[in-house]
Each structure stands twice: as C-alpha cells, then as structure tokens.
Amino acid sequence: MKQLKAVFHAGTEGGSVAILYNGKQYSYSTNEMVFLNLLPGEFKKEELRRVSLKFDTFEQAFLSMLGRYRIFHFFPQHIEPAFLAFIETQFLKFKAENLDGSVRGFYKWEEVFELGFVED
C-alpha cells in the first residue's frame, strides 16, 4: 500500500480539507472532528471524516472539492509549488465572482500567490 502524501491542505475553525496523492491518483479528504467536542452526541466519527473518489489529476480533485466546499474561505496551510499556478487561476475566478465583500481570508491566498509558497 502506497503512503499518501498531502499535496494541498487548507483549514478553518470548523475543520480542514486536503488533497492526497498515492503515487498514481489523487483524492481529497475532509476532517470536521472538532464537532465531536463542540456538539457532543450529534455526530458519529465516521460522519466527520470523509475521503472522495479517486481522480487521475490534481486539477480534477481540486475542482471537485471546490464544487463542494468554499475552499477560498479557508486558510491555506500547505500547497505543493507545482500546483500554485492552477490554484491561483481558480482563486482569481472565484474572487471575481465573489466581490460582494462577504469573503474572508482572501488576503491569505493573495499572500501565498505573491510569495509563491505556503509554509507548513
């Protein structure tokens, strides 16, 4: 069994999302385990941690994840440099569609693209 490598990770106060690579395919996972403590008895552990189907490319996994979660409201925690340009393109599209001022965290993503990396 190949070890999974996180090539993208972003989080917020309610949980986190990550894109994982097994050497051949990508998948994304979500972790909302914080709700076990915040709302005791409301959720089972298996409801708060999910893994997607597998994708052949990072781009497919990211777009699928972006369709389900408002990733750019999260704070970037780790991005492999090879994927920065693609994510920046998606960020700029998202930002153009959400200029109503209701989005928090844009400055963190802009900082990432300006610097060209995210520190772990």
PDB file of N, CA and C in Angstrom:
ATOM      1  N   MET A   1       0.830  -1.178   0.000  1.00  0.00           N
ATOM      2  CA  MET A   1       0.000   0.000   0.000  1.00  0.00           C
ATOM      3  C   MET A   1       0.879   1.246   0.000  1.00  0.00           C
ATOM      4  N   LYS A   2       0.644   2.124  -0.955  1.00  0.00           N
ATOM      5  CA  LYS A   2       1.424   3.355  -1.052  1.00  0.00           C
ATOM      6  C   LYS A   2       1.026   4.320   0.057  1.00  0.00           C
ATOM      7  N   GLN A   3       2.016   5.041   0.556  1.00  0.00           N
ATOM      8  CA  GLN A   3       1.745   6.055   1.558  1.00  0.00           C
ATOM      9  C   GLN A   3       1.144   7.277   0.878  1.00  0.00           C
ATOM     10  N   LEU A   4       0.159   7.871   1.515  1.00  0.00           N
ATOM     11  CA  LEU A   4      -0.474   9.070   0.983  1.00  0.00           C
ATOM     12  C   LEU A   4       0.346  10.299   1.334  1.00  0.00           C
ATOM     13  N   LYS A   5       0.441  11.198   0.373  1.00  0.00           N
ATOM     14  CA  LYS A   5       1.147  12.457   0.597  1.00  0.00           C
ATOM     15  C   LYS A   5       0.146  13.591   0.430  1.00  0.00           C
ATOM     16  N   ALA A   6       0.078  14.478   1.404  1.00  0.00           N
ATOM     17  CA  ALA A   6      -0.788  15.650   1.292  1.00  0.00           C
ATOM     18  C   ALA A   6      -0.097  16.677   0.405  1.00  0.00           C
ATOM     19  N   VAL A   7      -0.718  17.016  -0.717  1.00  0.00           N
ATOM     20  CA  VAL A   7      -0.137  17.996  -1.640  1.00  0.00           C
ATOM     21  C   VAL A   7      -0.843  19.344  -1.537  1.00  0.00           C
ATOM     22  N   PHE A   8      -1.962  19.365  -0.811  1.00  0.00           N
ATOM     23  CA  PHE A   8      -2.721  20.584  -0.571  1.00  0.00           C
ATOM     24  C   PHE A   8      -3.438  20.416   0.759  1.00  0.00           C
ATOM     25  N   HIS A   9      -3.437  21.487   1.559  1.00  0.00           N
ATOM     26  CA  HIS A   9      -4.141  21.444   2.832  1.00  0.00           C
ATOM     27  C   HIS A   9      -4.602  22.853   3.172  1.00  0.00           C
ATOM     28  N   ALA A  10      -5.864  22.991   3.548  1.00  0.00           N
ATOM     29  CA  ALA A  10      -6.411  24.277   3.975  1.00  0.00           C
ATOM     30  C   ALA A  10      -7.371  24.021   5.123  1.00  0.00           C
ATOM     31  N   GLY A  11      -7.468  24.980   6.030  1.00  0.00           N
ATOM     32  CA  GLY A  11      -8.318  24.772   7.184  1.00  0.00           C
ATOM     33  C   GLY A  11      -9.061  26.017   7.603  1.00  0.00           C
ATOM     34  N   THR A  12     -10.029  25.800   8.450  1.00  0.00           N
ATOM     35  CA  THR A  12     -10.823  26.866   9.045  1.00  0.00           C
ATOM     36  C   THR A  12     -11.202  26.409  10.442  1.00  0.00           C
ATOM     37  N   GLU A  13     -11.895  27.257  11.191  1.00  0.00           N
ATOM     38  CA  GLU A  13     -12.198  26.891  12.572  1.00  0.00           C
ATOM     39  C   GLU A  13     -13.058  25.632  12.685  1.00  0.00           C
ATOM     40  N   GLY A  14     -13.788  25.274  11.642  1.00  0.00           N
ATOM     41  CA  GLY A  14     -14.660  24.102  11.696  1.00  0.00           C
ATOM     42  C   GLY A  14     -14.048  22.822  11.166  1.00  0.00           C
ATOM     43  N   GLY A  15     -12.871  22.883  10.572  1.00  0.00           N
ATOM     44  CA  GLY A  15     -12.270  21.675  10.032  1.00  0.00           C
ATOM     45  C   GLY A  15     -11.244  21.981   8.960  1.00  0.00           C
ATOM     46  N   SER A  16     -10.954  20.965   8.168  1.00  0.00           N
ATOM     47  CA  SER A  16      -9.943  21.142   7.127  1.00  0.00           C
ATOM     48  C   SER A  16     -10.228  20.228   5.939  1.00  0.00           C
ATOM     49  N   VAL A  17      -9.585  20.563   4.825  1.00  0.00           N
ATOM     50  CA  VAL A  17      -9.641  19.750   3.614  1.00  0.00           C
ATOM     51  C   VAL A  17      -8.207  19.530   3.145  1.00  0.00           C
ATOM     52  N   ALA A  18      -7.986  18.399   2.504  1.00  0.00           N
ATOM     53  CA  ALA A  18      -6.656  18.094   1.984  1.00  0.00           C
ATOM     54  C   ALA A  18      -6.808  17.310   0.696  1.00  0.00           C
ATOM     55  N   ILE A  19      -5.857  17.517  -0.210  1.00  0.00           N
ATOM     56  CA  ILE A  19      -5.771  16.662  -1.393  1.00  0.00           C
ATOM     57  C   ILE A  19      -4.587  15.743  -1.173  1.00  0.00           C
ATOM     58  N   LEU A  20      -4.838  14.459  -1.352  1.00  0.00           N
ATOM     59  CA  LEU A  20      -3.852  13.424  -1.088  1.00  0.00           C
ATOM     60  C   LEU A  20      -3.435  12.755  -2.390  1.00  0.00           C
ATOM     61  N   TYR A  21      -2.173  12.357  -2.452  1.00  0.00           N
ATOM     62  CA  TYR A  21      -1.631  11.695  -3.639  1.00  0.00           C
ATOM     63  C   TYR A  21      -1.018  10.374  -3.212  1.00  0.00           C
ATOM     64  N   ASN A  22      -1.387   9.284  -3.902  1.00  0.00           N
ATOM     65  CA  ASN A  22      -0.875   7.961  -3.539  1.00  0.00           C
ATOM     66  C   ASN A  22       0.209   7.459  -4.497  1.00  0.00           C
ATOM     67  N   GLY A  23       0.718   8.346  -5.339  1.00  0.00           N
ATOM     68  CA  GLY A  23       1.725   7.957  -6.314  1.00  0.00           C
ATOM     69  C   GLY A  23       1.140   7.712  -7.692  1.00  0.00           C
ATOM     70  N   LYS A  24      -0.166   7.547  -7.758  1.00  0.00           N
ATOM     71  CA  LYS A  24      -0.859   7.318  -9.032  1.00  0.00           C
ATOM     72  C   LYS A  24      -2.087   8.192  -9.193  1.00  0.00           C
ATOM     73  N   GLN A  25      -2.838   8.370  -8.108  1.00  0.00           N
ATOM     74  CA  GLN A  25      -4.098   9.096  -8.176  1.00  0.00           C
ATOM     75  C   GLN A  25      -4.231  10.051  -6.998  1.00  0.00           C
ATOM     76  N   TYR A  26      -5.184  10.963  -7.149  1.00  0.00           N
ATOM     77  CA  TYR A  26      -5.462  11.976  -6.135  1.00  0.00           C
ATOM     78  C   TYR A  26      -6.854  11.741  -5.558  1.00  0.00           C
ATOM     79  N   SER A  27      -7.029  12.138  -4.329  1.00  0.00           N
ATOM     80  CA  SER A  27      -8.343  12.169  -3.698  1.00  0.00           C
ATOM     81  C   SER A  27      -8.317  13.325  -2.711  1.00  0.00           C
ATOM     82  N   TYR A  28      -9.477  13.738  -2.259  1.00  0.00           N
ATOM     83  CA  TYR A  28      -9.478  14.760  -1.218  1.00  0.00           C
ATOM     84  C   TYR A  28     -10.181  14.212   0.008  1.00  0.00           C
ATOM     85  N   SER A  29      -9.788  14.739   1.134  1.00  0.00           N
ATOM     86  CA  SER A  29     -10.390  14.309   2.389  1.00  0.00           C
ATOM     87  C   SER A  29     -10.839  15.536   3.169  1.00  0.00           C
ATOM     88  N   THR A  30     -11.838  15.333   4.002  1.00  0.00           N
ATOM     89  CA  THR A  30     -12.315  16.390   4.888  1.00  0.00           C
ATOM     90  C   THR A  30     -12.210  15.895   6.314  1.00  0.00           C
ATOM     91  N   ASN A  31     -11.982  16.820   7.211  1.00  0.00           N
ATOM     92  CA  ASN A  31     -11.875  16.487   8.626  1.00  0.00           C
ATOM     93  C   ASN A  31     -12.622  17.558   9.414  1.00  0.00           C
ATOM     94  N   GLU A  32     -13.732  17.156  10.011  1.00  0.00           N
ATOM     95  CA  GLU A  32     -14.532  18.069  10.824  1.00  0.00           C
ATOM     96  C   GLU A  32     -14.675  17.526  12.248  1.00  0.00           C
ATOM     97  N   MET A  33     -13.646  16.859  12.717  1.00  0.00           N
ATOM     98  CA  MET A  33     -13.680  16.202  14.020  1.00  0.00           C
ATOM     99  C   MET A  33     -13.904  17.174  15.180  1.00  0.00           C
ATOM    100  N   VAL A  34     -13.652  18.449  14.975  1.00  0.00           N
ATOM    101  CA  VAL A  34     -13.865  19.447  16.020  1.00  0.00           C
ATOM    102  C   VAL A  34     -15.305  19.421  16.519  1.00  0.00           C
ATOM    103  N   PHE A  35     -16.239  19.011  15.656  1.00  0.00           N
ATOM    104  CA  PHE A  35     -17.643  18.990  16.050  1.00  0.00           C
ATOM    105  C   PHE A  35     -17.958  17.907  17.083  1.00  0.00           C
ATOM    106  N   LEU A  36     -17.082  16.922  17.238  1.00  0.00           N
ATOM    107  CA  LEU A  36     -17.286  15.928  18.297  1.00  0.00           C
ATOM    108  C   LEU A  36     -17.280  16.595  19.668  1.00  0.00           C
ATOM    109  N   ASN A  37     -16.412  17.583  19.828  1.00  0.00           N
ATOM    110  CA  ASN A  37     -16.323  18.305  21.102  1.00  0.00           C
ATOM    111  C   ASN A  37     -17.329  19.449  21.196  1.00  0.00           C
ATOM    112  N   LEU A  38     -17.564  20.114  20.078  1.00  0.00           N
ATOM    113  CA  LEU A  38     -18.479  21.257  20.100  1.00  0.00           C
ATOM    114  C   LEU A  38     -19.932  20.839  20.253  1.00  0.00           C
ATOM    115  N   LEU A  39     -20.302  19.719  19.642  1.00  0.00           N
ATOM    116  CA  LEU A  39     -21.684  19.236  19.674  1.00  0.00           C
ATOM    117  C   LEU A  39     -21.709  17.760  20.073  1.00  0.00           C
ATOM    118  N   PRO A  40     -21.384  17.476  21.318  1.00  0.00           N
ATOM    119  CA  PRO A  40     -21.308  16.077  21.756  1.00  0.00           C
ATOM    120  C   PRO A  40     -22.624  15.330  21.494  1.00  0.00           C
ATOM    121  N   GLY A  41     -22.487  14.125  20.956  1.00  0.00           N
ATOM    122  CA  GLY A  41     -23.644  13.288  20.700  1.00  0.00           C
ATOM    123  C   GLY A  41     -24.372  13.563  19.402  1.00  0.00           C
ATOM    124  N   GLU A  42     -24.028  14.632  18.713  1.00  0.00           N
ATOM    125  CA  GLU A  42     -24.719  14.997  17.470  1.00  0.00           C
ATOM    126  C   GLU A  42     -24.202  14.229  16.260  1.00  0.00           C
ATOM    127  N   PHE A  43     -22.935  13.841  16.292  1.00  0.00           N
ATOM    128  CA  PHE A  43     -22.311  13.212  15.135  1.00  0.00           C
ATOM    129  C   PHE A  43     -21.552  11.956  15.540  1.00  0.00           C
ATOM    130  N   LYS A  44     -21.404  11.045  14.601  1.00  0.00           N
ATOM    131  CA  LYS A  44     -20.512   9.904  14.752  1.00  0.00           C
ATOM    132  C   LYS A  44     -19.195  10.264  14.078  1.00  0.00           C
ATOM    133  N   LYS A  45     -18.084   9.688  14.554  1.00  0.00           N
ATOM    134  CA  LYS A  45     -16.767   9.990  13.975  1.00  0.00           C
ATOM    135  C   LYS A  45     -16.749   9.810  12.469  1.00  0.00           C
ATOM    136  N   GLU A  46     -17.331   8.737  11.971  1.00  0.00           N
ATOM    137  CA  GLU A  46     -17.294   8.454  10.530  1.00  0.00           C
ATOM    138  C   GLU A  46     -18.055   9.494   9.707  1.00  0.00           C
ATOM    139  N   GLU A  47     -18.931  10.268  10.337  1.00  0.00           N
ATOM    140  CA  GLU A  47     -19.647  11.321   9.622  1.00  0.00           C
ATOM    141  C   GLU A  47     -18.795  12.579   9.458  1.00  0.00           C
ATOM    142  N   LEU A  48     -17.748  12.684  10.225  1.00  0.00           N
ATOM    143  CA  LEU A  48     -16.949  13.907  10.258  1.00  0.00           C
ATOM    144  C   LEU A  48     -15.624  13.800   9.522  1.00  0.00           C
ATOM    145  N   ARG A  49     -15.336  12.664   8.982  1.00  0.00           N
ATOM    146  CA  ARG A  49     -14.113  12.478   8.204  1.00  0.00           C
ATOM    147  C   ARG A  49     -14.491  11.713   6.950  1.00  0.00           C
ATOM    148  N   ARG A  50     -14.231  12.320   5.791  1.00  0.00           N
ATOM    149  CA  ARG A  50     -14.619  11.701   4.524  1.00  0.00           C
ATOM    150  C   ARG A  50     -13.455  11.723   3.545  1.00  0.00           C
ATOM    151  N   VAL A  51     -13.462  10.753   2.632  1.00  0.00           N
ATOM    152  CA  VAL A  51     -12.484  10.702   1.546  1.00  0.00           C
ATOM    153  C   VAL A  51     -13.266  10.562   0.245  1.00  0.00           C
ATOM    154  N   SER A  52     -12.876  11.324  -0.740  1.00  0.00           N
ATOM    155  CA  SER A  52     -13.561  11.334  -2.034  1.00  0.00           C
ATOM    156  C   SER A  52     -13.211  10.107  -2.870  1.00  0.00           C
ATOM    157  N   LEU A  53     -13.832  10.052  -4.020  1.00  0.00           N
ATOM    158  CA  LEU A  53     -13.426   9.103  -5.046  1.00  0.00           C
ATOM    159  C   LEU A  53     -12.022   9.467  -5.505  1.00  0.00           C
ATOM    160  N   LYS A  54     -11.415   8.638  -6.298  1.00  0.00           N
ATOM    161  CA  LYS A  54     -10.065   8.915  -6.816  1.00  0.00           C
ATOM    162  C   LYS A  54     -10.153   9.661  -8.150  1.00  0.00           C
ATOM    163  N   PHE A  55      -9.152  10.494  -8.392  1.00  0.00           N
ATOM    164  CA  PHE A  55      -9.060  11.295  -9.611  1.00  0.00           C
ATOM    165  C   PHE A  55      -7.695  11.066 -10.239  1.00  0.00           C
ATOM    166  N   ASP A  56      -7.638  11.165 -11.559  1.00  0.00           N
ATOM    167  CA  ASP A  56      -6.372  10.964 -12.262  1.00  0.00           C
ATOM    168  C   ASP A  56      -5.429  12.151 -12.140  1.00  0.00           C
ATOM    169  N   THR A  57      -5.997  13.358 -11.939  1.00  0.00           N
ATOM    170  CA  THR A  57      -5.154  14.547 -11.860  1.00  0.00           C
ATOM    171  C   THR A  57      -5.487  15.378 -10.620  1.00  0.00           C
ATOM    172  N   PHE A  58      -4.526  16.173 -10.213  1.00  0.00           N
ATOM    173  CA  PHE A  58      -4.733  17.115  -9.122  1.00  0.00           C
ATOM    174  C   PHE A  58      -5.864  18.073  -9.477  1.00  0.00           C
ATOM    175  N   GLU A  59      -5.852  18.555 -10.723  1.00  0.00           N
ATOM    176  CA  GLU A  59      -6.843  19.530 -11.160  1.00  0.00           C
ATOM    177  C   GLU A  59      -8.264  18.990 -11.020  1.00  0.00           C
ATOM    178  N   GLN A  60      -8.470  17.737 -11.399  1.00  0.00           N
ATOM    179  CA  GLN A  60      -9.797  17.129 -11.256  1.00  0.00           C
ATOM    180  C   GLN A  60     -10.203  17.063  -9.784  1.00  0.00           C
ATOM    181  N   ALA A  61      -9.292  16.654  -8.933  1.00  0.00           N
ATOM    182  CA  ALA A  61      -9.591  16.556  -7.498  1.00  0.00           C
ATOM    183  C   ALA A  61      -9.901  17.933  -6.922  1.00  0.00           C
ATOM    184  N   PHE A  62      -9.108  18.934  -7.280  1.00  0.00           N
ATOM    185  CA  PHE A  62      -9.311  20.281  -6.749  1.00  0.00           C
ATOM    186  C   PHE A  62     -10.649  20.850  -7.190  1.00  0.00           C
ATOM    187  N   LEU A  63     -10.981  20.707  -8.481  1.00  0.00           N
ATOM    188  CA  LEU A  63     -12.247  21.244  -8.984  1.00  0.00           C
ATOM    189  C   LEU A  63     -13.444  20.545  -8.346  1.00  0.00           C
ATOM    190  N   SER A  64     -13.339  19.251  -8.138  1.00  0.00           N
ATOM    191  CA  SER A  64     -14.419  18.527  -7.465  1.00  0.00           C
ATOM    192  C   SER A  64     -14.584  19.035  -6.033  1.00  0.00           C
ATOM    193  N   MET A  65     -13.479  19.199  -5.332  1.00  0.00           N
ATOM    194  CA  MET A  65     -13.507  19.697  -3.960  1.00  0.00           C
ATOM    195  C   MET A  65     -14.063  21.116  -3.924  1.00  0.00           C
ATOM    196  N   LEU A  66     -13.637  21.947  -4.870  1.00  0.00           N
ATOM    197  CA  LEU A  66     -14.091  23.333  -4.937  1.00  0.00           C
ATOM    198  C   LEU A  66     -15.596  23.402  -5.201  1.00  0.00           C
ATOM    199  N   GLY A  67     -16.123  22.439  -5.909  1.00  0.00           N
ATOM    200  CA  GLY A  67     -17.556  22.385  -6.153  1.00  0.00           C
ATOM    201  C   GLY A  67     -18.369  22.055  -4.913  1.00  0.00           C
ATOM    202  N   ARG A  68     -17.744  21.452  -3.932  1.00  0.00           N
ATOM    203  CA  ARG A  68     -18.449  21.058  -2.697  1.00  0.00           C
ATOM    204  C   ARG A  68     -18.148  21.972  -1.520  1.00  0.00           C
ATOM    205  N   TYR A  69     -16.968  22.569  -1.495  1.00  0.00           N
ATOM    206  CA  TYR A  69     -16.529  23.359  -0.349  1.00  0.00           C
ATOM    207  C   TYR A  69     -16.017  24.715  -0.826  1.00  0.00           C
ATOM    208  N   ARG A  70     -16.260  25.730  -0.016  1.00  0.00           N
ATOM    209  CA  ARG A  70     -15.794  27.080  -0.357  1.00  0.00           C
ATOM    210  C   ARG A  70     -14.344  27.236   0.118  1.00  0.00           C
ATOM    211  N   ILE A  71     -13.479  26.570  -0.611  1.00  0.00           N
ATOM    212  CA  ILE A  71     -12.068  26.451  -0.230  1.00  0.00           C
ATOM    213  C   ILE A  71     -11.412  27.801   0.031  1.00  0.00           C
ATOM    214  N   PHE A  72     -11.764  28.805  -0.755  1.00  0.00           N
ATOM    215  CA  PHE A  72     -11.082  30.089  -0.617  1.00  0.00           C
ATOM    216  C   PHE A  72     -11.570  30.903   0.580  1.00  0.00           C
ATOM    217  N   HIS A  73     -12.501  30.343   1.360  1.00  0.00           N
ATOM    218  CA  HIS A  73     -12.854  30.901   2.659  1.00  0.00           C
ATOM    219  C   HIS A  73     -11.967  30.292   3.738  1.00  0.00           C
ATOM    220  N   PHE A  74     -11.295  29.203   3.414  1.00  0.00           N
ATOM    221  CA  PHE A  74     -10.383  28.532   4.334  1.00  0.00           C
ATOM    222  C   PHE A  74      -9.027  29.255   4.292  1.00  0.00           C
ATOM    223  N   PHE A  75      -8.162  28.884   5.187  1.00  0.00           N
ATOM    224  CA  PHE A  75      -6.810  29.438   5.199  1.00  0.00           C
ATOM    225  C   PHE A  75      -5.840  28.384   4.674  1.00  0.00           C
ATOM    226  N   PRO A  76      -5.022  28.759   3.686  1.00  0.00           N
ATOM    227  CA  PRO A  76      -4.065  27.797   3.122  1.00  0.00           C
ATOM    228  C   PRO A  76      -3.012  27.423   4.160  1.00  0.00           C
ATOM    229  N   GLN A  77      -2.716  26.128   4.240  1.00  0.00           N
ATOM    230  CA  GLN A  77      -1.713  25.657   5.187  1.00  0.00           C
ATOM    231  C   GLN A  77      -0.549  24.962   4.498  1.00  0.00           C
ATOM    232  N   HIS A  78      -0.827  24.334   3.361  1.00  0.00           N
ATOM    233  CA  HIS A  78       0.248  23.692   2.591  1.00  0.00           C
ATOM    234  C   HIS A  78      -0.201  23.551   1.143  1.00  0.00           C
ATOM    235  N   ILE A  79       0.651  23.992   0.229  1.00  0.00           N
ATOM    236  CA  ILE A  79       0.409  23.813  -1.204  1.00  0.00           C
ATOM    237  C   ILE A  79       1.737  23.446  -1.852  1.00  0.00           C
ATOM    238  N   GLU A  80       1.740  22.328  -2.551  1.00  0.00           N
ATOM    239  CA  GLU A  80       2.936  21.961  -3.307  1.00  0.00           C
ATOM    240  C   GLU A  80       3.134  23.003  -4.410  1.00  0.00           C
ATOM    241  N   PRO A  81       4.349  23.505  -4.594  1.00  0.00           N
ATOM    242  CA  PRO A  81       4.615  24.554  -5.581  1.00  0.00           C
ATOM    243  C   PRO A  81       4.127  24.233  -6.999  1.00  0.00           C
ATOM    244  N   ALA A  82       4.148  22.979  -7.382  1.00  0.00           N
ATOM    245  CA  ALA A  82       3.728  22.602  -8.742  1.00  0.00           C
ATOM    246  C   ALA A  82       2.263  22.942  -9.011  1.00  0.00           C
ATOM    247  N   PHE A  83       1.466  23.140  -7.965  1.00  0.00           N
ATOM    248  CA  PHE A  83       0.034  23.375  -8.145  1.00  0.00           C
ATOM    249  C   PHE A  83      -0.379  24.831  -7.902  1.00  0.00           C
ATOM    250  N   LEU A  84       0.566  25.685  -7.563  1.00  0.00           N
ATOM    251  CA  LEU A  84       0.245  27.080  -7.248  1.00  0.00           C
ATOM    252  C   LEU A  84      -0.422  27.812  -8.412  1.00  0.00           C
ATOM    253  N   ALA A  85       0.101  27.685  -9.614  1.00  0.00           N
ATOM    254  CA  ALA A  85      -0.447  28.426 -10.759  1.00  0.00           C
ATOM    255  C   ALA A  85      -1.891  28.020 -11.030  1.00  0.00           C
ATOM    256  N   PHE A  86      -2.179  26.734 -10.982  1.00  0.00           N
ATOM    257  CA  PHE A  86      -3.549  26.270 -11.212  1.00  0.00           C
ATOM    258  C   PHE A  86      -4.488  26.805 -10.132  1.00  0.00           C
ATOM    259  N   ILE A  87      -4.064  26.737  -8.872  1.00  0.00           N
ATOM    260  CA  ILE A  87      -4.907  27.209  -7.775  1.00  0.00           C
ATOM    261  C   ILE A  87      -5.106  28.714  -7.865  1.00  0.00           C
ATOM    262  N   GLU A  88      -4.071  29.438  -8.251  1.00  0.00           N
ATOM    263  CA  GLU A  88      -4.213  30.886  -8.399  1.00  0.00           C
ATOM    264  C   GLU A  88      -5.249  31.223  -9.472  1.00  0.00           C
ATOM    265  N   THR A  89      -5.238  30.503 -10.581  1.00  0.00           N
ATOM    266  CA  THR A  89      -6.227  30.728 -11.636  1.00  0.00           C
ATOM    267  C   THR A  89      -7.639  30.497 -11.093  1.00  0.00           C
ATOM    268  N   GLN A  90      -7.830  29.433 -10.334  1.00  0.00           N
ATOM    269  CA  GLN A  90      -9.140  29.145  -9.762  1.00  0.00           C
ATOM    270  C   GLN A  90      -9.531  30.202  -8.720  1.00  0.00           C
ATOM    271  N   PHE A  91      -8.556  30.665  -7.952  1.00  0.00           N
ATOM    272  CA  PHE A  91      -8.803  31.710  -6.967  1.00  0.00           C
ATOM    273  C   PHE A  91      -9.271  32.996  -7.640  1.00  0.00           C
ATOM    274  N   LEU A  92      -8.596  33.391  -8.710  1.00  0.00           N
ATOM    275  CA  LEU A  92      -8.972  34.621  -9.397  1.00  0.00           C
ATOM    276  C   LEU A  92     -10.380  34.539  -9.971  1.00  0.00           C
ATOM    277  N   LYS A  93     -10.761  33.382 -10.486  1.00  0.00           N
ATOM    278  CA  LYS A  93     -12.137  33.178 -10.966  1.00  0.00           C
ATOM    279  C   LYS A  93     -13.122  33.309  -9.805  1.00  0.00           C
ATOM    280  N   PHE A  94     -12.814  32.637  -8.714  1.00  0.00           N
ATOM    281  CA  PHE A  94     -13.683  32.671  -7.544  1.00  0.00           C
ATOM    282  C   PHE A  94     -13.810  34.093  -7.007  1.00  0.00           C
ATOM    283  N   LYS A  95     -12.688  34.787  -6.916  1.00  0.00           N
ATOM    284  CA  LYS A  95     -12.688  36.150  -6.385  1.00  0.00           C
ATOM    285  C   LYS A  95     -13.530  37.074  -7.257  1.00  0.00           C
ATOM    286  N   ALA A  96     -13.415  36.949  -8.573  1.00  0.00           N
ATOM    287  CA  ALA A  96     -14.191  37.784  -9.484  1.00  0.00           C
ATOM    288  C   ALA A  96     -15.693  37.554  -9.319  1.00  0.00           C
ATOM    289  N   GLU A  97     -16.068  36.351  -8.966  1.00  0.00           N
ATOM    290  CA  GLU A  97     -17.484  36.013  -8.793  1.00  0.00           C
ATOM    291  C   GLU A  97     -18.000  36.354  -7.397  1.00  0.00           C
ATOM    292  N   ASN A  98     -17.115  36.726  -6.488  1.00  0.00           N
ATOM    293  CA  ASN A  98     -17.496  36.959  -5.095  1.00  0.00           C
ATOM    294  C   ASN A  98     -16.952  38.284  -4.572  1.00  0.00           C
ATOM    295  N   LEU A  99     -17.184  39.338  -5.305  1.00  0.00           N
ATOM    296  CA  LEU A  99     -16.659  40.644  -4.917  1.00  0.00           C
ATOM    297  C   LEU A  99     -17.631  41.442  -4.050  1.00  0.00           C
ATOM    298  N   ASP A 100     -18.582  40.762  -3.422  1.00  0.00           N
ATOM    299  CA  ASP A 100     -19.569  41.457  -2.604  1.00  0.00           C
ATOM    300  C   ASP A 100     -19.057  41.802  -1.209  1.00  0.00           C
ATOM    301  N   GLY A 101     -17.819  41.497  -0.930  1.00  0.00           N
ATOM    302  CA  GLY A 101     -17.228  41.840   0.359  1.00  0.00           C
ATOM    303  C   GLY A 101     -17.507  40.841   1.471  1.00  0.00           C
ATOM    304  N   SER A 102     -18.212  39.764   1.160  1.00  0.00           N
ATOM    305  CA  SER A 102     -18.560  38.799   2.195  1.00  0.00           C
ATOM    306  C   SER A 102     -17.494  37.726   2.398  1.00  0.00           C
ATOM    307  N   VAL A 103     -16.432  37.793   1.649  1.00  0.00           N
ATOM    308  CA  VAL A 103     -15.431  36.734   1.713  1.00  0.00           C
ATOM    309  C   VAL A 103     -14.296  37.131   2.641  1.00  0.00           C
ATOM    310  N   ARG A 104     -14.029  36.262   3.596  1.00  0.00           N
ATOM    311  CA  ARG A 104     -12.908  36.495   4.497  1.00  0.00           C
ATOM    312  C   ARG A 104     -11.754  35.604   4.052  1.00  0.00           C
ATOM    313  N   GLY A 105     -10.574  36.019   4.358  1.00  0.00           N
ATOM    314  CA  GLY A 105      -9.431  35.163   4.077  1.00  0.00           C
ATOM    315  C   GLY A 105      -8.780  35.360   2.721  1.00  0.00           C
ATOM    316  N   PHE A 106      -9.344  36.219   1.859  1.00  0.00           N
ATOM    317  CA  PHE A 106      -8.732  36.421   0.544  1.00  0.00           C
ATOM    318  C   PHE A 106      -7.281  36.864   0.673  1.00  0.00           C
ATOM    319  N   TYR A 107      -6.992  37.724   1.646  1.00  0.00           N
ATOM    320  CA  TYR A 107      -5.634  38.247   1.791  1.00  0.00           C
ATOM    321  C   TYR A 107      -4.614  37.129   2.001  1.00  0.00           C
ATOM    322  N   LYS A 108      -5.018  36.055   2.688  1.00  0.00           N
ATOM    323  CA  LYS A 108      -4.084  34.954   2.905  1.00  0.00           C
ATOM    324  C   LYS A 108      -3.730  34.262   1.600  1.00  0.00           C
ATOM    325  N   TRP A 109      -4.726  34.062   0.733  1.00  0.00           N
ATOM    326  CA  TRP A 109      -4.472  33.431  -0.560  1.00  0.00           C
ATOM    327  C   TRP A 109      -3.629  34.349  -1.432  1.00  0.00           C
ATOM    328  N   GLU A 110      -3.916  35.643  -1.417  1.00  0.00           N
ATOM    329  CA  GLU A 110      -3.132  36.596  -2.214  1.00  0.00           C
ATOM    330  C   GLU A 110      -1.679  36.604  -1.750  1.00  0.00           C
ATOM    331  N   GLU A 111      -1.476  36.506  -0.450  1.00  0.00           N
ATOM    332  CA  GLU A 111      -0.122  36.447   0.105  1.00  0.00           C
ATOM    333  C   GLU A 111       0.620  35.201  -0.394  1.00  0.00           C
ATOM    334  N   VAL A 112      -0.071  34.078  -0.437  1.00  0.00           N
ATOM    335  CA  VAL A 112       0.524  32.831  -0.924  1.00  0.00           C
ATOM    336  C   VAL A 112       0.993  33.001  -2.365  1.00  0.00           C
ATOM    337  N   PHE A 113       0.146  33.560  -3.210  1.00  0.00           N
ATOM    338  CA  PHE A 113       0.499  33.691  -4.620  1.00  0.00           C
ATOM    339  C   PHE A 113       1.600  34.730  -4.819  1.00  0.00           C
ATOM    340  N   GLU A 114       1.626  35.748  -3.980  1.00  0.00           N
ATOM    341  CA  GLU A 114       2.691  36.740  -4.068  1.00  0.00           C
ATOM    342  C   GLU A 114       4.037  36.144  -3.668  1.00  0.00           C
ATOM    343  N   LEU A 115       4.042  35.361  -2.601  1.00  0.00           N
ATOM    344  CA  LEU A 115       5.278  34.752  -2.116  1.00  0.00           C
ATOM    345  C   LEU A 115       5.670  33.519  -2.925  1.00  0.00           C
ATOM    346  N   GLY A 116       4.668  32.829  -3.466  1.00  0.00           N
ATOM    347  CA  GLY A 116       4.953  31.639  -4.258  1.00  0.00           C
ATOM    348  C   GLY A 116       5.082  30.357  -3.459  1.00  0.00           C
ATOM    349  N   PHE A 117       4.660  30.370  -2.189  1.00  0.00           N
ATOM    350  CA  PHE A 117       4.728  29.151  -1.393  1.00  0.00           C
ATOM    351  C   PHE A 117       3.852  29.289  -0.156  1.00  0.00           C
ATOM    352  N   VAL A 118       3.623  28.157   0.501  1.00  0.00           N
ATOM    353  CA  VAL A 118       2.965  28.125   1.798  1.00  0.00           C
ATOM    354  C   VAL A 118       3.860  27.323   2.724  1.00  0.00           C
ATOM    355  N   GLU A 119       4.191  27.922   3.845  1.00  0.00           N
ATOM    356  CA  GLU A 119       4.996  27.207   4.835  1.00  0.00           C
ATOM    357  C   GLU A 119       4.113  26.236   5.588  1.00  0.00           C
ATOM    358  N   ASP A 120       4.664  25.101   5.958  1.00  0.00           N
ATOM    359  CA  ASP A 120       3.918  24.136   6.792  1.00  0.00           C
ATOM    360  C   ASP A 120       3.895  24.593   8.228  1.00  0.00           C
TER     361      ASP A 120
END
